[in-house]
Amino acid sequence: MSSPTASAPAHSPPRPIDVALLASVFVIAACGLLYELAAGALASYLLGDSVLQFSTIIGTYLFAMGVGSWLSRYFERQLPAHFLRIELLVALVGGALPATLFIANAYAPGAFRVLLYGMVLLVGTLVGLEIPLVMRILKRNVRLQELVSQVLTFDYLGALAVSLAFPLLLVPQLGLVRTGLLFGFLNAAVAVWALWLFRHELRRLRAHALACTAVLAALAAGLAGAEHITRFAEDKFYQDRIVMGTASPYQRIVVTHGRLGHRLYLNGNLQFAESDEYRYHEALVHPAMAAHGAPRRVAVLGGGDGMAVREVLRYPAVESVTLVELDPAMTRLFGEHPTLRRLNGDALASPKVRVVNQDAFQWLQQGSDTFDVVIVDFPDPTNFAIGKLFTNSFYALLDQRLAASGYAVVQTTSPLIARKSFWTVAATIESVGLQARPYHAHVPSFGEWGFVIASRRPWRMPDALPPGLRFLSLEALPLLFHFPADMARVDAEVNRLSNQVLVHTYEQEWGRTGR
């Protein structure tokens, strides 16, 4: 029998250098996925339609990784040196990606898409080069079968770790700019680790050390000034002075203050302006509340700023208000910040109010309580996550939670600018057997804005309105239900979970305005 050949070193214990390189695979995978997620999140924040943005970003990134893998065949000598240089490039370009895109959106919005996909292509190509080079370096000491399984194991573990940390920890605690720079720092740390591991193989050790030092210094400076970078970009984008900005797992929340008072923005979209929010919220709440007569149990879906709750509490008959808001950062901010509490009349501190931080769709599915009035105050359907809250499935659940004589009212975008979108919501409400009574009001910050009352019984004109209103009156109320020719009803398809036609229609109509 022949003795074992000398080509079987794979059964020997792994060398420290191999363990270190496998650990670097974990970091590389985590960083690579982080840059992909950051680009997708930024695109969905700034361009809307999260499904489209994430799909195109992921597709572009994977294509670029394939290009990088193919290009790796041309790296034949000095593999550790090439690996080190690529890590430093990934650290710089990937780490700076969120900050660069934020600034580009503020100062050169026309170039944003080109820069977005250009950076995604560049980072994806560099990341695609990393793993093949690591495998070829490891191949010198590890059997191919074990090499592939070990590298892929660490690659997938790194991806899992960052996919969980990104929405739950990194974005809420650090924000996108700091998160990008932090992971760039990790890529640079891998380069430093490679510098030490291969110090005896690298020809120009001093030059590599200087490059590592320069990149680490640049990223450290970026981390130290991350808040200034964010404010530099957002001050230009929002024009008014930013008094508060935070990122939650769900959205970027910014409050500004200028000549016309405070404004709230979610993902860059205006939600209210202090100067005229009373017009919007009085129009949203009182036609349904006053028509009911004596509503005791009220639910507000969305509206975490507490403005709609403020209007609901004008009615002495109200015994309880359930506020269902997905984002706890919103209700916490408007329940604790002194200026914002003043704007909502400290409504969230009322003993009548119960805050539920949950997805409204799930809340409707899981409960059985019925309500006299339900105020539905969601943001516009800019993506499928919000679009599901404008579907016939949602309105069928809403119908089940309405008391027999109850009214629901839905914020329904502009019937002038997004005419078909507005009437799509009305048609969708009617498709589940509810009566729809559309109306509109002029809010200077938004223009002509629309609402739809949904109920089983016909809506009636109220006999009285609560005192102290600044916009609505019994004399003016009938005018809200008149639609001139340019806002009159048009044929519209029912919005279903399976098609989400409203999201596409909304994007087309608002896109024509350049918004």
Protein backbone atom coordinates (compact mmCIF):
# COMPACT_ATOMS: atom_id res chain seq x y z
CA MET A 1 0.00 0.00 0.00
CA SER A 2 1.22 3.48 -0.79
CA SER A 3 1.82 6.02 1.92
CA PRO A 4 -0.08 9.33 2.04
CA THR A 5 1.27 11.88 -0.35
CA ALA A 6 2.60 15.26 0.62
CA SER A 7 -0.42 16.97 -0.96
CA ALA A 8 -2.77 16.46 1.99
CA PRO A 9 -2.05 19.33 4.33
CA ALA A 10 -5.75 20.19 4.51
CA HIS A 11 -6.24 17.77 7.38
CA SER A 12 -3.76 19.66 9.54
CA PRO A 13 -5.01 22.36 11.91
CA PRO A 14 -5.70 25.69 10.16
CA ARG A 15 -2.92 28.24 10.38
CA PRO A 16 -3.57 31.54 12.22
CA ILE A 17 -3.21 33.44 8.94
CA ASP A 18 -5.98 31.32 7.38
CA VAL A 19 -8.28 31.89 10.38
CA ALA A 20 -7.62 35.63 10.14
CA LEU A 21 -8.46 35.68 6.44
CA LEU A 22 -11.69 33.75 7.05
CA ALA A 23 -12.62 36.25 9.76
CA SER A 24 -12.00 39.01 7.25
CA VAL A 25 -14.49 37.31 4.91
CA PHE A 26 -17.15 37.82 7.60
CA VAL A 27 -16.34 41.54 7.77
CA ILE A 28 -16.13 41.89 3.98
CA ALA A 29 -19.55 40.26 3.52
CA ALA A 30 -21.11 42.43 6.22
CA CYS A 31 -19.67 45.62 4.72
CA GLY A 32 -20.64 44.68 1.17
CA LEU A 33 -24.28 44.04 2.10
CA LEU A 34 -24.35 47.19 4.23
CA TYR A 35 -23.43 49.37 1.26
CA GLU A 36 -26.11 47.67 -0.82
CA LEU A 37 -28.77 48.21 1.87
CA ALA A 38 -27.70 51.82 2.41
CA ALA A 39 -28.00 52.58 -1.31
CA GLY A 40 -31.43 50.94 -1.46
CA ALA A 41 -32.67 52.76 1.63
CA LEU A 42 -31.44 56.12 0.34
CA ALA A 43 -33.03 55.53 -3.06
CA SER A 44 -36.37 54.63 -1.48
CA TYR A 45 -36.18 57.63 0.89
CA LEU A 46 -35.43 60.11 -1.88
CA LEU A 47 -37.03 58.58 -5.00
CA GLY A 48 -39.98 56.67 -3.51
CA ASP A 49 -41.34 53.25 -4.59
CA SER A 50 -39.16 51.11 -2.33
CA VAL A 51 -39.82 47.89 -4.26
CA LEU A 52 -38.55 49.42 -7.52
CA GLN A 53 -35.56 51.07 -5.86
CA PHE A 54 -34.41 48.03 -3.90
CA SER A 55 -34.95 45.73 -6.90
CA THR A 56 -32.88 47.88 -9.25
CA ILE A 57 -30.17 48.54 -6.64
CA ILE A 58 -29.84 44.84 -5.79
CA GLY A 59 -29.82 43.87 -9.46
CA THR A 60 -27.18 46.46 -10.33
CA TYR A 61 -25.06 45.50 -7.33
CA LEU A 62 -25.16 41.76 -8.10
CA PHE A 63 -24.30 42.45 -11.75
CA ALA A 64 -21.35 44.56 -10.65
CA MET A 65 -20.17 41.80 -8.30
CA GLY A 66 -20.24 39.42 -11.24
CA VAL A 67 -18.12 41.85 -13.23
CA GLY A 68 -15.66 42.07 -10.32
CA SER A 69 -15.44 38.30 -10.04
CA TRP A 70 -14.73 38.05 -13.77
CA LEU A 71 -12.06 40.75 -13.58
CA SER A 72 -10.30 38.95 -10.73
CA ARG A 73 -8.79 36.52 -13.24
CA TYR A 74 -6.48 39.30 -14.42
CA PHE A 75 -4.87 39.65 -10.99
CA GLU A 76 -2.09 37.07 -11.11
CA ARG A 77 0.79 38.23 -8.93
CA GLN A 78 1.12 40.03 -5.59
CA LEU A 79 -2.40 38.99 -4.59
CA PRO A 80 -2.10 40.26 -0.99
CA ALA A 81 -1.10 43.71 -2.29
CA HIS A 82 -4.05 43.79 -4.68
CA PHE A 83 -6.38 42.65 -1.90
CA LEU A 84 -5.14 45.41 0.41
CA ARG A 85 -5.61 48.12 -2.23
CA ILE A 86 -9.12 46.91 -3.06
CA GLU A 87 -10.07 46.95 0.63
CA LEU A 88 -8.95 50.57 0.92
CA LEU A 89 -10.92 51.54 -2.19
CA VAL A 90 -14.05 49.81 -0.89
CA ALA A 91 -13.57 51.54 2.45
CA LEU A 92 -13.39 54.98 0.83
CA VAL A 93 -16.09 54.63 -1.82
CA GLY A 94 -18.50 52.46 0.17
CA GLY A 95 -18.02 54.33 3.42
CA ALA A 96 -18.63 57.68 1.77
CA LEU A 97 -21.61 56.45 -0.28
CA PRO A 98 -24.47 57.64 2.01
CA ALA A 99 -22.84 61.02 2.73
CA THR A 100 -22.03 61.62 -0.95
CA LEU A 101 -25.56 60.77 -2.07
CA PHE A 102 -27.15 62.96 0.61
CA ILE A 103 -25.06 65.93 -0.49
CA ALA A 104 -25.70 65.24 -4.18
CA ASN A 105 -29.46 65.14 -3.59
CA ALA A 106 -29.30 68.54 -1.88
CA TYR A 107 -26.91 70.35 -4.23
CA ALA A 108 -27.18 68.49 -7.56
CA PRO A 109 -30.51 66.60 -7.58
CA GLY A 110 -30.38 66.15 -11.35
CA ALA A 111 -27.22 64.07 -11.00
CA PHE A 112 -28.48 61.95 -8.12
CA ARG A 113 -29.56 58.87 -10.10
CA VAL A 114 -26.40 58.80 -12.20
CA LEU A 115 -24.22 59.10 -9.10
CA LEU A 116 -26.30 56.53 -7.22
CA TYR A 117 -25.97 53.79 -9.82
CA GLY A 118 -22.40 54.76 -10.64
CA MET A 119 -21.34 54.31 -7.02
CA VAL A 120 -23.32 51.07 -6.72
CA LEU A 121 -21.57 49.72 -9.83
CA LEU A 122 -18.14 50.75 -8.52
CA VAL A 123 -18.65 49.35 -5.02
CA GLY A 124 -20.22 46.15 -6.37
CA THR A 125 -17.30 45.60 -8.75
CA LEU A 126 -14.75 46.10 -5.96
CA VAL A 127 -16.67 43.80 -3.61
CA GLY A 128 -16.86 41.23 -6.42
CA LEU A 129 -13.06 41.25 -6.56
CA GLU A 130 -12.59 40.65 -2.82
CA ILE A 131 -13.80 37.07 -2.30
CA PRO A 132 -12.05 35.53 -5.36
CA LEU A 133 -8.76 37.08 -4.22
CA VAL A 134 -9.21 35.82 -0.65
CA MET A 135 -9.99 32.33 -1.97
CA ARG A 136 -6.88 32.32 -4.16
CA ILE A 137 -4.72 33.43 -1.23
CA LEU A 138 -6.21 30.73 1.00
CA LYS A 139 -5.92 28.14 -1.76
CA ARG A 140 -2.20 27.91 -1.05
CA ASN A 141 -2.89 26.12 2.24
CA VAL A 142 -6.49 24.81 2.22
CA ARG A 143 -8.11 22.08 0.14
CA LEU A 144 -10.59 23.40 -2.45
CA GLN A 145 -13.54 21.52 -0.95
CA GLU A 146 -12.95 22.93 2.52
CA LEU A 147 -11.98 26.33 1.12
CA VAL A 148 -15.30 26.88 -0.67
CA SER A 149 -17.42 25.71 2.27
CA GLN A 150 -15.50 27.80 4.79
CA VAL A 151 -15.47 30.98 2.72
CA LEU A 152 -19.17 30.73 1.86
CA THR A 153 -20.08 29.99 5.49
CA PHE A 154 -18.35 33.13 6.75
CA ASP A 155 -19.73 35.12 3.79
CA TYR A 156 -23.32 34.18 4.59
CA LEU A 157 -22.88 34.70 8.33
CA GLY A 158 -21.61 38.22 7.73
CA ALA A 159 -24.56 38.97 5.47
CA LEU A 160 -27.00 37.65 8.09
CA ALA A 161 -25.49 39.75 10.86
CA VAL A 162 -25.70 43.03 8.97
CA SER A 163 -29.17 42.33 7.53
CA LEU A 164 -30.48 42.12 11.10
CA ALA A 165 -28.41 44.96 12.52
CA PHE A 166 -29.12 47.46 9.72
CA PRO A 167 -32.84 48.12 10.43
CA LEU A 168 -32.88 47.25 14.14
CA LEU A 169 -29.71 48.88 15.44
CA LEU A 170 -27.53 50.72 12.95
CA VAL A 171 -29.95 53.11 11.23
CA PRO A 172 -32.00 53.98 14.37
CA GLN A 173 -28.91 54.57 16.52
CA LEU A 174 -26.32 55.90 14.08
CA GLY A 175 -28.17 57.07 10.96
CA LEU A 176 -27.13 56.25 7.40
CA VAL A 177 -24.15 58.59 7.17
CA ARG A 178 -22.44 57.35 10.34
CA THR A 179 -23.30 53.74 9.51
CA GLY A 180 -21.67 53.98 6.09
CA LEU A 181 -18.51 55.58 7.49
CA LEU A 182 -18.31 53.05 10.32
CA PHE A 183 -18.39 50.12 7.91
CA GLY A 184 -15.88 51.88 5.69
CA PHE A 185 -13.69 51.96 8.79
CA LEU A 186 -14.17 48.19 9.16
CA ASN A 187 -13.09 47.64 5.54
CA ALA A 188 -10.00 49.77 6.20
CA ALA A 189 -9.33 47.72 9.35
CA VAL A 190 -9.31 44.58 7.20
CA ALA A 191 -6.71 46.29 5.00
CA VAL A 192 -4.57 47.04 8.07
CA TRP A 193 -4.96 43.42 9.17
CA ALA A 194 -3.84 42.25 5.72
CA LEU A 195 -0.90 44.66 5.94
CA TRP A 196 0.25 42.94 9.13
CA LEU A 197 -0.46 39.38 7.95
CA PHE A 198 1.45 39.78 4.70
CA ARG A 199 4.12 42.24 5.85
CA HIS A 200 6.84 39.84 4.69
CA GLU A 201 5.34 39.49 1.20
CA LEU A 202 4.50 43.12 0.41
CA ARG A 203 7.15 44.90 -1.63
CA ARG A 204 6.30 48.49 -0.72
CA LEU A 205 5.31 48.09 2.90
CA ARG A 206 5.81 51.76 3.83
CA ALA A 207 3.62 53.00 0.94
CA HIS A 208 0.86 50.56 1.90
CA ALA A 209 1.09 51.63 5.53
CA LEU A 210 0.78 55.30 4.56
CA ALA A 211 -2.25 54.52 2.38
CA CYS A 212 -3.93 52.69 5.26
CA THR A 213 -3.21 55.57 7.61
CA ALA A 214 -4.61 58.13 5.17
CA VAL A 215 -7.83 56.19 4.59
CA LEU A 216 -8.37 55.56 8.30
CA ALA A 217 -7.78 59.26 9.03
CA ALA A 218 -10.26 60.32 6.34
CA LEU A 219 -12.94 57.95 7.64
CA ALA A 220 -12.30 58.94 11.25
CA ALA A 221 -12.68 62.61 10.29
CA GLY A 222 -15.93 61.74 8.51
CA LEU A 223 -17.24 59.92 11.58
CA ALA A 224 -16.35 62.85 13.81
CA GLY A 225 -18.12 65.26 11.45
CA ALA A 226 -21.03 63.02 10.47
CA GLU A 227 -23.61 65.25 12.13
CA HIS A 228 -22.22 68.30 10.33
CA ILE A 229 -22.30 66.42 7.00
CA THR A 230 -25.94 65.47 7.52
CA ARG A 231 -26.91 69.01 8.49
CA PHE A 232 -24.91 70.48 5.61
CA ALA A 233 -26.95 68.40 3.17
CA GLU A 234 -30.31 68.76 4.89
CA ASP A 235 -30.04 72.52 5.47
CA LYS A 236 -29.76 72.97 1.71
CA PHE A 237 -32.50 70.45 0.95
CA TYR A 238 -35.04 71.81 3.46
CA GLN A 239 -34.11 75.50 3.15
CA ASP A 240 -35.35 76.32 6.68
CA ARG A 241 -33.24 75.74 9.77
CA ILE A 242 -33.39 72.15 11.04
CA VAL A 243 -34.32 72.03 14.71
CA MET A 244 -34.58 68.24 15.01
CA GLY A 245 -33.62 65.31 12.83
CA THR A 246 -33.63 61.60 13.60
CA ALA A 247 -33.75 58.28 11.79
CA SER A 248 -35.97 55.40 12.86
CA PRO A 249 -36.21 51.90 11.36
CA TYR A 250 -39.10 53.24 9.29
CA GLN A 251 -38.21 56.74 8.14
CA ARG A 252 -36.11 59.87 8.42
CA ILE A 253 -37.90 62.44 10.61
CA VAL A 254 -36.96 66.11 10.25
CA VAL A 255 -38.53 69.18 11.86
CA THR A 256 -37.54 72.60 10.53
CA HIS A 257 -38.29 76.15 11.62
CA GLY A 258 -38.49 79.18 9.39
CA ARG A 259 -40.49 82.29 8.63
CA LEU A 260 -43.75 80.32 8.50
CA GLY A 261 -43.10 78.30 11.65
CA HIS A 262 -42.32 74.62 12.09
CA ARG A 263 -42.60 71.99 9.36
CA LEU A 264 -42.51 68.21 9.64
CA TYR A 265 -40.90 66.09 6.91
CA LEU A 266 -40.91 62.30 6.66
CA ASN A 267 -38.33 60.95 4.20
CA GLY A 268 -38.13 64.40 2.69
CA ASN A 269 -41.90 64.73 2.14
CA LEU A 270 -43.76 67.58 3.85
CA GLN A 271 -46.36 66.34 6.34
CA PHE A 272 -47.51 69.61 7.86
CA ALA A 273 -46.60 73.27 8.14
CA GLU A 274 -47.40 75.15 11.34
CA SER A 275 -48.77 78.11 9.39
CA ASP A 276 -51.69 76.19 7.88
CA GLU A 277 -51.84 72.71 9.43
CA TYR A 278 -55.09 73.73 11.15
CA ARG A 279 -56.78 73.84 7.73
CA TYR A 280 -55.72 70.30 6.95
CA HIS A 281 -56.58 68.79 10.33
CA GLU A 282 -59.89 70.60 10.75
CA ALA A 283 -60.93 69.42 7.28
CA LEU A 284 -59.74 65.88 8.02
CA VAL A 285 -61.47 65.43 11.37
CA HIS A 286 -64.60 67.55 11.77
CA PRO A 287 -66.86 66.63 8.82
CA ALA A 288 -66.99 63.05 10.13
CA MET A 289 -66.87 63.78 13.86
CA ALA A 290 -69.51 66.51 13.80
CA ALA A 291 -71.82 64.51 11.51
CA HIS A 292 -71.81 61.60 13.95
CA GLY A 293 -73.15 63.79 16.71
CA ALA A 294 -71.78 62.17 19.84
CA PRO A 295 -68.81 59.93 19.07
CA ARG A 296 -67.54 58.16 22.19
CA ARG A 297 -64.89 55.78 20.84
CA VAL A 298 -62.48 57.12 18.21
CA ALA A 299 -59.46 55.59 16.49
CA VAL A 300 -56.76 57.54 14.67
CA LEU A 301 -54.64 55.48 12.28
CA GLY A 302 -51.36 57.21 11.45
CA GLY A 303 -51.12 60.82 12.57
CA GLY A 304 -48.40 60.16 15.14
CA ASP A 305 -47.85 63.93 15.38
CA GLY A 306 -51.02 64.17 17.50
CA MET A 307 -52.59 66.97 15.43
CA ALA A 308 -55.66 64.93 14.45
CA VAL A 309 -56.00 63.73 18.07
CA ARG A 310 -55.98 67.38 19.17
CA GLU A 311 -59.02 68.04 16.96
CA VAL A 312 -60.81 64.86 18.13
CA LEU A 313 -60.47 65.94 21.77
CA ARG A 314 -62.54 69.05 21.05
CA TYR A 315 -65.64 66.83 21.44
CA PRO A 316 -66.71 66.41 25.10
CA ALA A 317 -68.54 63.16 24.30
CA VAL A 318 -65.30 61.42 23.36
CA GLU A 319 -64.36 58.88 26.04
CA SER A 320 -61.37 57.20 24.43
CA VAL A 321 -59.00 57.79 21.52
CA THR A 322 -56.81 54.97 20.24
CA LEU A 323 -53.85 56.29 18.25
CA VAL A 324 -52.27 53.59 16.05
CA GLU A 325 -48.87 54.77 14.80
CA LEU A 326 -46.28 52.39 13.36
CA ASP A 327 -43.23 54.43 14.36
CA PRO A 328 -42.65 54.87 18.12
CA ALA A 329 -40.12 57.59 17.32
CA MET A 330 -42.98 59.77 16.06
CA THR A 331 -45.22 59.43 19.10
CA ARG A 332 -42.24 59.75 21.44
CA LEU A 333 -41.05 62.93 19.71
CA PHE A 334 -44.48 64.60 19.66
CA GLY A 335 -45.20 63.48 23.19
CA GLU A 336 -41.95 64.79 24.71
CA HIS A 337 -40.56 67.71 22.66
CA PRO A 338 -41.88 70.95 24.28
CA THR A 339 -42.38 72.85 21.02
CA LEU A 340 -44.13 69.96 19.30
CA ARG A 341 -46.30 69.32 22.34
CA ARG A 342 -47.40 72.93 22.09
CA LEU A 343 -48.38 72.42 18.45
CA ASN A 344 -50.59 69.41 19.18
CA GLY A 345 -52.01 70.92 22.35
CA ASP A 346 -50.29 68.20 24.41
CA ALA A 347 -52.93 65.86 23.02
CA LEU A 348 -50.85 62.72 23.46
CA ALA A 349 -50.70 63.33 27.23
CA SER A 350 -54.50 63.25 27.57
CA PRO A 351 -55.76 60.42 29.82
CA LYS A 352 -58.30 59.64 27.10
CA VAL A 353 -55.56 58.76 24.61
CA ARG A 354 -53.99 55.31 24.26
CA VAL A 355 -51.00 55.01 21.90
CA VAL A 356 -50.45 51.72 20.06
CA ASN A 357 -47.19 51.45 18.10
CA GLN A 358 -48.14 48.82 15.54
CA ASP A 359 -48.78 48.40 11.85
CA ALA A 360 -52.37 49.57 11.26
CA PHE A 361 -53.14 46.68 8.90
CA GLN A 362 -52.16 44.15 11.57
CA TRP A 363 -53.96 46.11 14.27
CA LEU A 364 -57.22 45.95 12.31
CA GLN A 365 -56.75 42.21 11.72
CA GLN A 366 -56.01 41.35 15.32
CA GLY A 367 -58.66 43.39 17.14
CA SER A 368 -62.42 43.25 17.47
CA ASP A 369 -63.36 46.55 19.12
CA THR A 370 -65.57 48.86 17.07
CA PHE A 371 -65.35 52.64 16.85
CA ASP A 372 -67.79 55.45 16.19
CA VAL A 373 -65.24 57.36 14.09
CA VAL A 374 -61.97 56.23 12.54
CA ILE A 375 -59.56 58.91 11.25
CA VAL A 376 -57.15 57.45 8.65
CA ASP A 377 -54.20 59.83 8.29
CA PHE A 378 -51.44 57.94 6.48
CA PRO A 379 -48.76 59.52 4.29
CA ASP A 380 -49.38 59.42 0.54
CA PRO A 381 -48.91 56.01 -1.17
CA THR A 382 -45.35 56.58 -2.38
CA ASN A 383 -44.41 52.91 -1.94
CA PHE A 384 -46.01 49.50 -1.56
CA ALA A 385 -45.59 49.42 2.23
CA ILE A 386 -47.91 52.44 2.49
CA GLY A 387 -49.93 51.49 -0.58
CA LYS A 388 -51.29 48.40 1.19
CA LEU A 389 -53.08 50.79 3.57
CA PHE A 390 -55.11 52.11 0.60
CA THR A 391 -56.26 48.71 -0.72
CA ASN A 392 -59.67 47.06 -0.71
CA SER A 393 -58.30 44.50 1.79
CA PHE A 394 -57.52 47.31 4.23
CA TYR A 395 -60.91 48.97 3.78
CA ALA A 396 -62.69 45.64 4.28
CA LEU A 397 -60.93 45.33 7.65
CA LEU A 398 -61.76 48.96 8.43
CA ASP A 399 -65.44 48.24 7.72
CA GLN A 400 -65.40 45.48 10.36
CA ARG A 401 -64.10 47.90 13.02
CA LEU A 402 -66.70 50.61 12.31
CA ALA A 403 -69.80 50.78 14.48
CA ALA A 404 -73.06 50.40 12.55
CA SER A 405 -73.61 54.16 12.53
CA GLY A 406 -69.92 55.04 12.38
CA TYR A 407 -67.88 57.10 9.94
CA ALA A 408 -64.34 56.70 8.72
CA VAL A 409 -62.43 59.43 6.91
CA VAL A 410 -59.35 58.88 4.75
CA GLN A 411 -56.63 61.35 3.73
CA THR A 412 -56.58 60.92 -0.05
CA THR A 413 -53.93 63.13 -1.73
CA SER A 414 -54.71 65.99 -4.14
CA PRO A 415 -57.74 65.63 -6.44
CA LEU A 416 -56.25 68.35 -8.67
CA ILE A 417 -52.67 67.17 -9.15
CA ALA A 418 -53.30 63.43 -8.61
CA ARG A 419 -56.87 63.28 -9.86
CA LYS A 420 -56.95 59.60 -10.85
CA SER A 421 -55.19 58.59 -7.63
CA PHE A 422 -57.84 60.42 -5.61
CA TRP A 423 -60.73 58.71 -7.38
CA THR A 424 -58.93 55.36 -7.17
CA VAL A 425 -59.23 55.58 -3.39
CA ALA A 426 -62.93 56.46 -3.65
CA ALA A 427 -63.57 53.51 -6.00
CA THR A 428 -61.62 51.17 -3.71
CA ILE A 429 -63.67 52.19 -0.68
CA GLU A 430 -66.89 51.61 -2.62
CA SER A 431 -65.69 48.18 -3.78
CA VAL A 432 -66.05 46.79 -0.22
CA GLY A 433 -69.66 47.97 0.12
CA LEU A 434 -69.06 51.26 1.91
CA GLN A 435 -70.50 54.56 0.74
CA ALA A 436 -67.85 57.10 -0.25
CA ARG A 437 -68.38 60.83 0.19
CA PRO A 438 -65.37 62.72 -1.24
CA TYR A 439 -64.51 66.32 -0.43
CA HIS A 440 -61.53 68.67 -0.61
CA ALA A 441 -59.99 71.73 1.03
CA HIS A 442 -57.32 74.24 0.10
CA VAL A 443 -54.18 73.98 2.25
CA PRO A 444 -51.58 76.51 1.00
CA SER A 445 -48.59 74.29 1.82
CA PHE A 446 -50.04 71.43 -0.23
CA GLY A 447 -52.50 73.05 -2.60
CA GLU A 448 -55.92 71.49 -3.13
CA TRP A 449 -56.17 68.44 -0.89
CA GLY A 450 -58.70 65.64 -0.77
CA PHE A 451 -60.46 63.37 1.71
CA VAL A 452 -63.11 60.64 1.53
CA ILE A 453 -65.70 59.81 4.19
CA ALA A 454 -66.59 56.10 4.27
CA SER A 455 -69.66 54.74 6.00
CA ARG A 456 -72.58 52.28 5.82
CA ARG A 457 -75.17 55.00 6.24
CA PRO A 458 -75.32 58.17 4.13
CA TRP A 459 -73.24 61.06 5.42
CA ARG A 460 -75.30 64.03 6.58
CA MET A 461 -74.39 67.66 6.98
CA PRO A 462 -73.71 68.37 10.69
CA ASP A 463 -75.87 70.75 12.66
CA ALA A 464 -72.98 72.20 14.66
CA LEU A 465 -69.20 72.34 14.80
CA PRO A 466 -67.06 72.67 17.92
CA PRO A 467 -66.16 76.22 18.95
CA GLY A 468 -62.78 77.75 18.27
CA LEU A 469 -62.20 76.46 14.73
CA ARG A 470 -60.10 78.71 12.52
CA PHE A 471 -61.05 77.34 9.11
CA LEU A 472 -64.28 75.36 9.00
CA SER A 473 -67.73 76.84 9.47
CA LEU A 474 -71.24 75.52 8.86
CA GLU A 475 -71.65 78.01 6.02
CA ALA A 476 -68.43 77.00 4.26
CA LEU A 477 -68.67 73.24 4.84
CA PRO A 478 -70.99 72.44 1.88
CA LEU A 479 -68.47 74.05 -0.50
CA LEU A 480 -65.91 71.36 0.36
CA PHE A 481 -68.13 68.73 -1.27
CA HIS A 482 -68.36 70.51 -4.62
CA PHE A 483 -65.86 69.38 -7.27
CA PRO A 484 -65.23 71.66 -10.26
CA ALA A 485 -64.69 70.18 -13.72
CA ASP A 486 -60.92 69.79 -13.39
CA MET A 487 -61.35 67.66 -10.25
CA ALA A 488 -64.53 65.80 -11.22
CA ARG A 489 -64.72 62.04 -10.97
CA VAL A 490 -62.86 59.89 -13.50
CA ASP A 491 -62.92 56.13 -14.04
CA ALA A 492 -60.42 54.40 -11.77
CA GLU A 493 -59.36 50.86 -11.03
CA VAL A 494 -59.77 49.30 -7.59
CA ASN A 495 -56.49 49.23 -5.66
CA ARG A 496 -55.77 45.65 -4.54
CA LEU A 497 -52.94 44.06 -2.63
CA SER A 498 -52.18 41.96 -5.70
CA ASN A 499 -51.68 44.92 -8.04
CA GLN A 500 -51.13 48.10 -5.97
CA VAL A 501 -52.17 50.14 -8.99
CA LEU A 502 -52.46 53.24 -6.81
CA VAL A 503 -48.70 53.42 -6.16
CA HIS A 504 -47.95 53.45 -9.89
CA THR A 505 -50.70 55.97 -10.65
CA TYR A 506 -49.58 58.23 -7.83
CA GLU A 507 -45.94 58.19 -9.02
CA GLN A 508 -46.99 59.02 -12.58
CA GLU A 509 -49.24 61.92 -11.58
CA TRP A 510 -46.96 63.54 -9.02
CA GLY A 511 -43.94 62.85 -11.23
CA ARG A 512 -45.34 65.20 -13.85
CA THR A 513 -45.08 68.05 -11.34
CA GLY A 514 -41.35 67.49 -10.83
CA ARG A 515 -41.96 66.88 -7.14
